[in-house]
């Protein structure tokens, strides 16, 4: 019974395939710009197409309605006695905060009266115009972006907030306004913008520290100013620490390469220098150990120096240290061809605990630099860890 049903289903599918002329084409894969389009209104160049998210004819209609004030019923008072006319239904719909202000506003006949103060009158006009048509001019945005950013947050206009953020991220954030933008970004919940501002402050700290904006921030927000100074100092200390560690790693790496070259010279020989029982060939293939050339000169000096005693010659002292370091990482001193390897092994037993700890730490760092725990000529890393 089940097999019959399966056969019947397969026959019906075959019939459907034969009757249909072609298989439907699957929908295209989402493009990489979808995230950006969702965030900024569908245009990669600016948040709104031609600085507006509506058609040109519609934009012109809304602009005329705002500019002419046809049947306007709201009077907005600004600083210095300025007045901006608007329509309650439009600006109340665009901003929930303004809608609440209109409900509480005193009404004189058909007129609602509200106040938007603390910013220039022209900035209020640009803000109200944006509520009508989502339009703005570049020169207006450049001049009043800080005021528009504050108004967009205070009156809860997310679209204008994104527009201001976009313009600051793409050129309007400068060393002249970065301190104000940073404070405003923290106040108005712009996490991305606050990070960008903080990075710019860190980069131009010396220049910004002497500005009036920094002095004003120090007076109005002393704790924030202190945190910025501390972060700059911490970043500087971290950078210096990274440089120090990088230099140490380079030194440890050079020491390891020198020990490798030392084993190579004393065991196999390299061109014109090596053990007495080896047939040296000056025209032999190129040596793969980069430290061989410098170490060869050091060995020749060590062999002929009259002040060979430790502390009598800087170059000889370096050679003594290399020989002792080698003996501490050598796996088998009985078969080792490096001079004085066994002697230094015996000397370790007579050293003070402080010197022993210092040498063990050096050996540990050198071995961990190259991760050579299993090398046949050197001891495993675990055997050199300071207890």
Protein backbone atom coordinates (compact mmCIF):
# COMPACT_ATOMS: atom_id res chain seq x y z
CA UNK A 1 0.00 0.00 0.00
CA UNK A 2 2.81 2.39 0.93
CA UNK A 3 4.78 1.50 -2.19
CA UNK A 4 1.71 2.14 -4.30
CA UNK A 5 1.31 5.59 -2.80
CA UNK A 6 4.96 6.38 -3.44
CA UNK A 7 4.72 5.24 -7.05
CA UNK A 8 1.59 7.31 -7.54
CA UNK A 9 3.31 10.36 -6.10
CA UNK A 10 6.35 9.90 -8.35
CA UNK A 11 4.12 9.55 -11.40
CA UNK A 12 2.26 12.74 -10.51
CA UNK A 13 5.57 14.61 -10.11
CA UNK A 14 6.78 13.38 -13.49
CA UNK A 15 3.52 14.46 -15.07
CA UNK A 16 3.85 17.92 -13.52
CA UNK A 17 7.43 18.21 -14.79
CA UNK A 18 6.45 17.20 -18.30
CA UNK A 19 3.53 19.62 -18.39
CA UNK A 20 5.49 22.63 -17.14
CA UNK A 21 7.69 24.23 -19.83
CA UNK A 22 10.50 25.26 -17.43
CA UNK A 23 11.47 25.29 -13.78
CA UNK A 24 10.96 28.67 -12.04
CA UNK A 25 14.15 30.68 -11.61
CA UNK A 26 15.13 31.03 -7.94
CA UNK A 27 15.31 34.55 -6.50
CA UNK A 28 18.74 36.26 -6.52
CA UNK A 29 20.99 36.12 -3.49
CA UNK A 30 21.00 39.18 -1.23
CA UNK A 31 23.64 41.74 -2.16
CA UNK A 32 26.44 42.82 0.13
CA UNK A 33 25.02 46.35 0.36
CA UNK A 34 21.72 45.31 1.95
CA UNK A 35 22.94 46.02 5.47
CA UNK A 36 24.15 49.48 4.48
CA UNK A 37 20.92 50.15 2.57
CA UNK A 38 18.78 49.15 5.52
CA UNK A 39 20.79 51.40 7.80
CA UNK A 40 20.99 54.50 5.63
CA UNK A 41 17.81 54.35 3.54
CA UNK A 42 18.99 52.49 0.43
CA UNK A 43 21.82 54.63 -0.93
CA UNK A 44 25.52 53.91 -0.49
CA UNK A 45 26.68 57.47 -1.10
CA UNK A 46 24.44 59.26 1.41
CA UNK A 47 21.66 58.30 3.81
CA UNK A 48 19.05 59.81 1.48
CA UNK A 49 19.04 60.00 -2.30
CA UNK A 50 19.97 63.54 -3.28
CA UNK A 51 19.57 64.48 0.40
CA UNK A 52 15.93 63.35 0.40
CA UNK A 53 14.16 60.03 0.88
CA UNK A 54 11.11 60.98 -1.20
CA UNK A 55 10.43 61.81 -4.86
CA UNK A 56 11.32 65.27 -6.14
CA UNK A 57 7.70 66.27 -6.84
CA UNK A 58 6.58 65.23 -3.37
CA UNK A 59 9.56 66.97 -1.81
CA UNK A 60 8.74 70.21 -3.63
CA UNK A 61 5.14 70.02 -2.44
CA UNK A 62 6.16 69.58 1.20
CA UNK A 63 8.77 72.34 0.88
CA UNK A 64 6.19 74.76 -0.49
CA UNK A 65 3.80 73.86 2.30
CA UNK A 66 6.51 74.61 4.88
CA UNK A 67 7.90 77.75 3.24
CA UNK A 68 4.51 79.31 2.47
CA UNK A 69 3.02 78.33 5.82
CA UNK A 70 -0.32 77.59 4.16
CA UNK A 71 -2.90 76.98 6.93
CA UNK A 72 -0.12 76.63 9.51
CA UNK A 73 -1.39 76.37 13.07
CA UNK A 74 1.81 76.18 15.16
CA UNK A 75 4.08 79.03 16.21
CA UNK A 76 7.55 77.95 17.31
CA UNK A 77 9.47 80.55 19.28
CA UNK A 78 13.27 80.46 19.09
CA UNK A 79 16.11 82.43 20.59
CA UNK A 80 16.43 86.17 19.87
CA UNK A 81 12.71 86.51 19.19
CA UNK A 82 12.69 84.28 16.11
CA UNK A 83 9.50 82.57 14.92
CA UNK A 84 9.00 79.47 12.75
CA UNK A 85 5.54 78.47 11.50
CA UNK A 86 4.52 74.83 11.12
CA UNK A 87 1.60 72.40 10.92
CA UNK A 88 0.71 70.47 14.06
CA UNK A 89 -0.35 67.29 12.26
CA UNK A 90 2.93 67.06 10.35
CA UNK A 91 5.50 67.85 13.01
CA UNK A 92 3.51 65.95 15.67
CA UNK A 93 3.53 62.84 13.48
CA UNK A 94 7.26 63.15 12.76
CA UNK A 95 8.22 63.61 16.43
CA UNK A 96 6.51 62.02 19.40
CA UNK A 97 8.13 64.59 21.71
CA UNK A 98 6.69 67.52 19.74
CA UNK A 99 3.34 65.73 19.72
CA UNK A 100 3.41 65.69 23.50
CA UNK A 101 4.44 69.36 23.60
CA UNK A 102 1.47 70.28 21.36
CA UNK A 103 -0.94 68.46 23.67
CA UNK A 104 0.28 70.52 26.61
CA UNK A 105 0.67 73.80 24.69
CA UNK A 106 -1.55 76.79 25.29
CA UNK A 107 -3.85 77.46 22.36
CA UNK A 108 -4.80 80.92 21.19
CA UNK A 109 -7.59 80.47 18.71
CA UNK A 110 -6.27 78.08 16.07
CA UNK A 111 -2.62 78.62 17.04
CA UNK A 112 -0.47 76.31 19.13
CA UNK A 113 2.61 77.90 20.66
CA UNK A 114 5.74 75.98 21.62
CA UNK A 115 9.39 76.96 22.13
CA UNK A 116 12.65 75.42 20.88
CA UNK A 117 15.50 77.32 22.43
CA UNK A 118 19.21 76.91 22.97
CA UNK A 119 20.05 76.67 19.25
CA UNK A 120 20.08 79.27 16.42
CA UNK A 121 16.81 80.11 14.73
CA UNK A 122 18.09 78.90 11.36
CA UNK A 123 19.00 75.52 12.90
CA UNK A 124 15.40 75.22 14.17
CA UNK A 125 14.12 76.08 10.69
CA UNK A 126 16.33 73.41 9.08
CA UNK A 127 15.16 70.91 11.71
CA UNK A 128 11.45 71.63 11.14
CA UNK A 129 11.90 71.50 7.37
CA UNK A 130 13.46 68.05 7.74
CA UNK A 131 10.34 66.91 9.60
CA UNK A 132 8.30 67.83 6.53
CA UNK A 133 10.29 66.34 3.65
CA UNK A 134 13.47 64.75 5.08
CA UNK A 135 15.36 67.37 3.06
CA UNK A 136 18.45 69.41 3.84
CA UNK A 137 21.15 71.32 2.04
CA UNK A 138 24.80 70.46 2.33
CA UNK A 139 25.78 73.92 3.49
CA UNK A 140 23.06 73.82 6.17
CA UNK A 141 24.24 70.44 7.37
CA UNK A 142 27.86 71.61 7.48
CA UNK A 143 26.98 74.69 9.53
CA UNK A 144 24.38 73.31 11.93
CA UNK A 145 25.24 69.63 12.24
CA UNK A 146 25.96 69.87 15.97
CA UNK A 147 22.65 71.60 16.63
CA UNK A 148 20.76 69.16 14.39
CA UNK A 149 22.41 66.24 16.14
CA UNK A 150 21.23 67.56 19.50
CA UNK A 151 17.72 68.32 18.20
CA UNK A 152 17.38 64.88 16.60
CA UNK A 153 18.12 63.28 19.96
CA UNK A 154 16.06 65.67 22.10
CA UNK A 155 12.96 65.38 19.90
CA UNK A 156 13.45 61.71 18.94
CA UNK A 157 13.89 61.91 15.17
CA UNK A 158 15.86 58.74 14.35
CA UNK A 159 16.17 59.46 10.63
CA UNK A 160 17.82 62.85 11.20
CA UNK A 161 20.01 61.26 13.85
CA UNK A 162 21.31 58.72 11.32
CA UNK A 163 21.86 61.44 8.73
CA UNK A 164 23.94 63.54 11.13
CA UNK A 165 25.91 60.51 12.25
CA UNK A 166 26.62 59.57 8.62
CA UNK A 167 27.93 63.03 7.75
CA UNK A 168 30.16 63.15 10.82
CA UNK A 169 31.59 59.75 9.99
CA UNK A 170 32.25 60.83 6.40
CA UNK A 171 34.13 64.08 6.75
CA UNK A 172 32.47 66.52 9.15
CA UNK A 173 34.25 65.15 12.22
CA UNK A 174 37.39 67.29 12.61
CA UNK A 175 39.84 68.27 15.31
CA UNK A 176 37.88 71.52 15.74
CA UNK A 177 34.64 69.83 16.81
CA UNK A 178 35.76 66.36 17.95
CA UNK A 179 35.68 67.21 21.67
CA UNK A 180 32.13 68.58 21.43
CA UNK A 181 31.06 65.63 19.27
CA UNK A 182 32.55 63.20 21.78
CA UNK A 183 30.63 64.72 24.68
CA UNK A 184 27.44 64.91 22.63
CA UNK A 185 27.86 61.32 21.43
CA UNK A 186 28.05 60.12 25.03
CA UNK A 187 25.09 62.27 26.03
CA UNK A 188 22.89 61.31 23.07
CA UNK A 189 23.80 57.61 22.89
CA UNK A 190 25.93 57.45 19.73
CA UNK A 191 28.22 54.48 20.52
CA UNK A 192 29.81 54.30 17.07
CA UNK A 193 30.38 58.06 16.91
CA UNK A 194 31.82 58.13 20.43
CA UNK A 195 34.35 55.46 19.49
CA UNK A 196 35.41 57.38 16.38
CA UNK A 197 35.70 60.62 18.36
CA UNK A 198 37.71 58.92 21.08
CA UNK A 199 40.15 57.53 18.52
CA UNK A 200 40.65 60.97 16.99
CA UNK A 201 41.22 62.50 20.43
CA UNK A 202 43.80 59.83 21.22
CA UNK A 203 45.55 60.47 17.91
CA UNK A 204 45.66 64.28 18.24
CA UNK A 205 45.87 64.52 22.03
CA UNK A 206 48.76 66.99 22.20
CA UNK A 207 47.06 69.35 19.75
CA UNK A 208 43.64 69.11 21.40
CA UNK A 209 44.91 69.40 24.96
CA UNK A 210 45.85 73.06 24.39
CA UNK A 211 42.49 74.11 22.88
CA UNK A 212 39.69 76.11 24.50
CA UNK A 213 37.31 73.20 23.91
CA UNK A 214 39.43 70.98 26.14
CA UNK A 215 39.54 73.67 28.85
CA UNK A 216 35.75 74.01 28.69
CA UNK A 217 35.33 70.24 28.96
CA UNK A 218 37.68 70.19 31.95
CA UNK A 219 35.49 72.74 33.74
CA UNK A 220 32.11 71.23 32.83
CA UNK A 221 33.02 67.52 32.90
CA UNK A 222 36.19 67.09 35.01
CA UNK A 223 35.71 63.33 35.45
CA UNK A 224 35.37 62.81 31.71
CA UNK A 225 38.48 64.91 31.08
CA UNK A 226 40.41 62.84 33.62
CA UNK A 227 39.28 59.59 32.00
CA UNK A 228 40.44 60.84 28.61
CA UNK A 229 43.86 61.79 29.99
CA UNK A 230 44.18 58.43 31.74
CA UNK A 231 43.21 56.56 28.57
CA UNK A 232 45.83 58.47 26.57
CA UNK A 233 48.52 57.71 29.14
CA UNK A 234 47.47 54.07 29.31
CA UNK A 235 47.56 53.82 25.53
CA UNK A 236 51.04 55.34 25.50
CA UNK A 237 52.22 52.92 28.16
CA UNK A 238 50.69 50.01 26.28
CA UNK A 239 52.38 51.10 23.06
CA UNK A 240 55.74 51.38 24.81
CA UNK A 241 55.21 47.97 26.38
CA UNK A 242 54.47 46.48 22.97
CA UNK A 243 57.65 48.02 21.57
CA UNK A 244 59.65 46.73 24.52
CA UNK A 245 58.30 43.20 24.14
CA UNK A 246 58.86 43.29 20.38
CA UNK A 247 62.48 44.32 20.94
CA UNK A 248 62.91 41.58 23.52
CA UNK A 249 61.47 39.01 21.13
CA UNK A 250 63.89 40.16 18.45
CA UNK A 251 66.84 39.80 20.85
CA UNK A 252 65.71 36.33 21.95
CA UNK A 253 65.28 35.32 18.33
CA UNK A 254 68.78 36.56 17.49
CA UNK A 255 70.20 34.63 20.46
CA UNK A 256 68.54 31.46 19.31
CA UNK A 257 69.81 31.93 15.75
CA UNK A 258 73.31 32.55 17.15
CA UNK A 259 73.17 29.30 19.12
CA UNK A 260 71.99 27.42 16.03
CA UNK A 261 74.86 28.89 14.04
CA UNK A 262 77.30 28.04 16.85
CA UNK A 263 76.27 24.36 16.77
CA UNK A 264 76.45 24.40 12.98
CA UNK A 265 80.00 25.85 12.95
CA UNK A 266 81.36 23.59 15.69
CA UNK A 267 79.74 20.42 14.36
CA UNK A 268 79.64 20.75 10.56
CA UNK A 269 81.89 23.71 9.80
CA UNK A 270 80.98 26.66 7.62
CA UNK A 271 83.14 27.65 4.68
CA UNK A 272 86.47 28.71 6.26
CA UNK A 273 85.76 27.99 9.93
CA UNK A 274 84.90 24.78 11.73
CA UNK A 275 86.29 21.74 13.61
CA UNK A 276 89.84 20.64 12.84
CA UNK A 277 88.74 17.22 11.57
CA UNK A 278 86.46 18.63 8.89
CA UNK A 279 87.43 19.28 5.28
CA UNK A 280 86.31 22.90 4.85
CA UNK A 281 85.34 24.13 1.40
CA UNK A 282 85.29 27.93 1.02
CA UNK A 283 83.32 27.69 -2.27
CA UNK A 284 80.67 25.51 -0.70
CA UNK A 285 76.98 26.24 -1.19
CA UNK A 286 75.51 29.30 0.53
CA UNK A 287 75.04 28.86 4.28
CA UNK A 288 71.43 28.80 5.46
CA UNK A 289 72.25 30.26 8.88
CA UNK A 290 72.05 34.05 8.75
CA UNK A 291 73.97 34.46 12.03
CA UNK A 292 76.99 32.53 10.76
CA UNK A 293 78.77 35.53 9.26
CA UNK A 294 78.64 37.65 12.42
CA UNK A 295 79.40 34.68 14.66
CA UNK A 296 82.40 33.72 12.52
CA UNK A 297 83.95 37.15 13.10
CA UNK A 298 83.23 36.87 16.84
CA UNK A 299 84.86 33.43 17.06
CA UNK A 300 87.96 34.58 15.19
CA UNK A 301 88.27 37.56 17.53
CA UNK A 302 87.76 35.31 20.57
CA UNK A 303 90.50 32.94 19.38
CA UNK A 304 93.09 35.70 18.93
CA UNK A 305 92.16 38.25 21.61
CA UNK A 306 94.76 38.83 24.33
CA UNK A 307 92.12 40.04 26.81
CA UNK A 308 90.00 36.92 26.58
CA UNK A 309 89.18 36.82 30.29
CA UNK A 310 85.54 37.62 31.09
CA UNK A 311 85.10 41.35 31.56
CA UNK A 312 88.35 42.25 29.82
CA UNK A 313 86.86 42.60 26.33
CA UNK A 314 83.31 43.41 25.30
CA UNK A 315 83.37 41.02 22.32
CA UNK A 316 84.90 38.21 24.32
CA UNK A 317 82.36 38.75 27.10
CA UNK A 318 79.60 38.31 24.54
CA UNK A 319 81.21 35.07 23.36
CA UNK A 320 81.48 33.75 26.93
CA UNK A 321 77.77 34.48 27.41
CA UNK A 322 76.84 32.66 24.21
CA UNK A 323 78.87 29.62 25.24
CA UNK A 324 77.22 29.52 28.66
CA UNK A 325 73.77 30.02 27.18
CA UNK A 326 74.42 27.16 24.79
CA UNK A 327 75.48 24.85 27.59
CA UNK A 328 72.22 25.53 29.41
CA UNK A 329 70.08 24.48 26.44
CA UNK A 330 72.31 21.70 25.16
CA UNK A 331 70.65 18.28 25.41
CA UNK A 332 73.84 16.17 25.50
CA UNK A 333 77.12 17.77 26.56
CA UNK A 334 79.02 14.45 26.16
CA UNK A 335 78.44 14.43 22.39
CA UNK A 336 78.38 18.19 21.89
CA UNK A 337 81.18 19.67 19.75
CA UNK A 338 80.81 23.22 21.11
CA UNK A 339 83.86 24.17 23.24
CA UNK A 340 83.50 24.35 27.03
CA UNK A 341 79.96 22.98 26.97
CA UNK A 342 80.61 20.42 29.72
CA UNK A 343 82.67 22.92 31.76
CA UNK A 344 79.75 25.34 31.92
CA UNK A 345 77.43 22.48 32.87
CA UNK A 346 79.64 21.77 35.89
CA UNK A 347 79.87 25.48 36.70
CA UNK A 348 76.07 25.72 37.05
CA UNK A 349 76.18 23.75 40.32
CA UNK A 350 78.37 26.42 41.95
CA UNK A 351 76.32 29.44 40.87
CA UNK A 352 74.18 31.43 43.28
CA UNK A 353 70.45 30.96 43.30
CA UNK A 354 69.91 34.47 41.96
CA UNK A 355 72.14 33.86 38.92
CA UNK A 356 70.50 30.48 38.36
CA UNK A 357 67.02 32.02 38.31
CA UNK A 358 68.17 34.75 35.92
CA UNK A 359 69.73 32.24 33.50
CA UNK A 360 66.71 29.93 33.62
CA UNK A 361 64.41 32.82 32.76
CA UNK A 362 66.61 33.78 29.81
CA UNK A 363 66.69 30.20 28.55
CA UNK A 364 62.92 29.92 28.89
CA UNK A 365 62.34 33.10 26.86
CA UNK A 366 64.81 32.10 24.15
CA UNK A 367 63.31 28.63 23.75
CA UNK A 368 59.72 29.89 23.73
CA UNK A 369 60.58 32.43 21.05
CA UNK A 370 61.19 29.71 18.47
CA UNK A 371 59.06 26.95 20.04
CA UNK A 372 61.92 24.47 19.74
CA UNK A 373 61.07 22.18 22.63
CA UNK A 374 61.70 19.04 20.57
CA UNK A 375 64.96 20.12 18.91
CA UNK A 376 67.76 17.46 19.11
CA UNK A 377 70.38 20.01 20.24
CA UNK A 378 68.40 21.88 22.87
CA UNK A 379 66.53 21.00 26.01
CA UNK A 380 62.70 20.97 26.12
CA UNK A 381 61.08 24.22 27.22
CA UNK A 382 59.47 22.61 30.29
CA UNK A 383 62.84 21.69 31.76
CA UNK A 384 63.93 25.32 31.92
CA UNK A 385 60.86 26.87 33.56
CA UNK A 386 61.65 28.69 36.77
CA UNK A 387 60.05 26.96 39.74
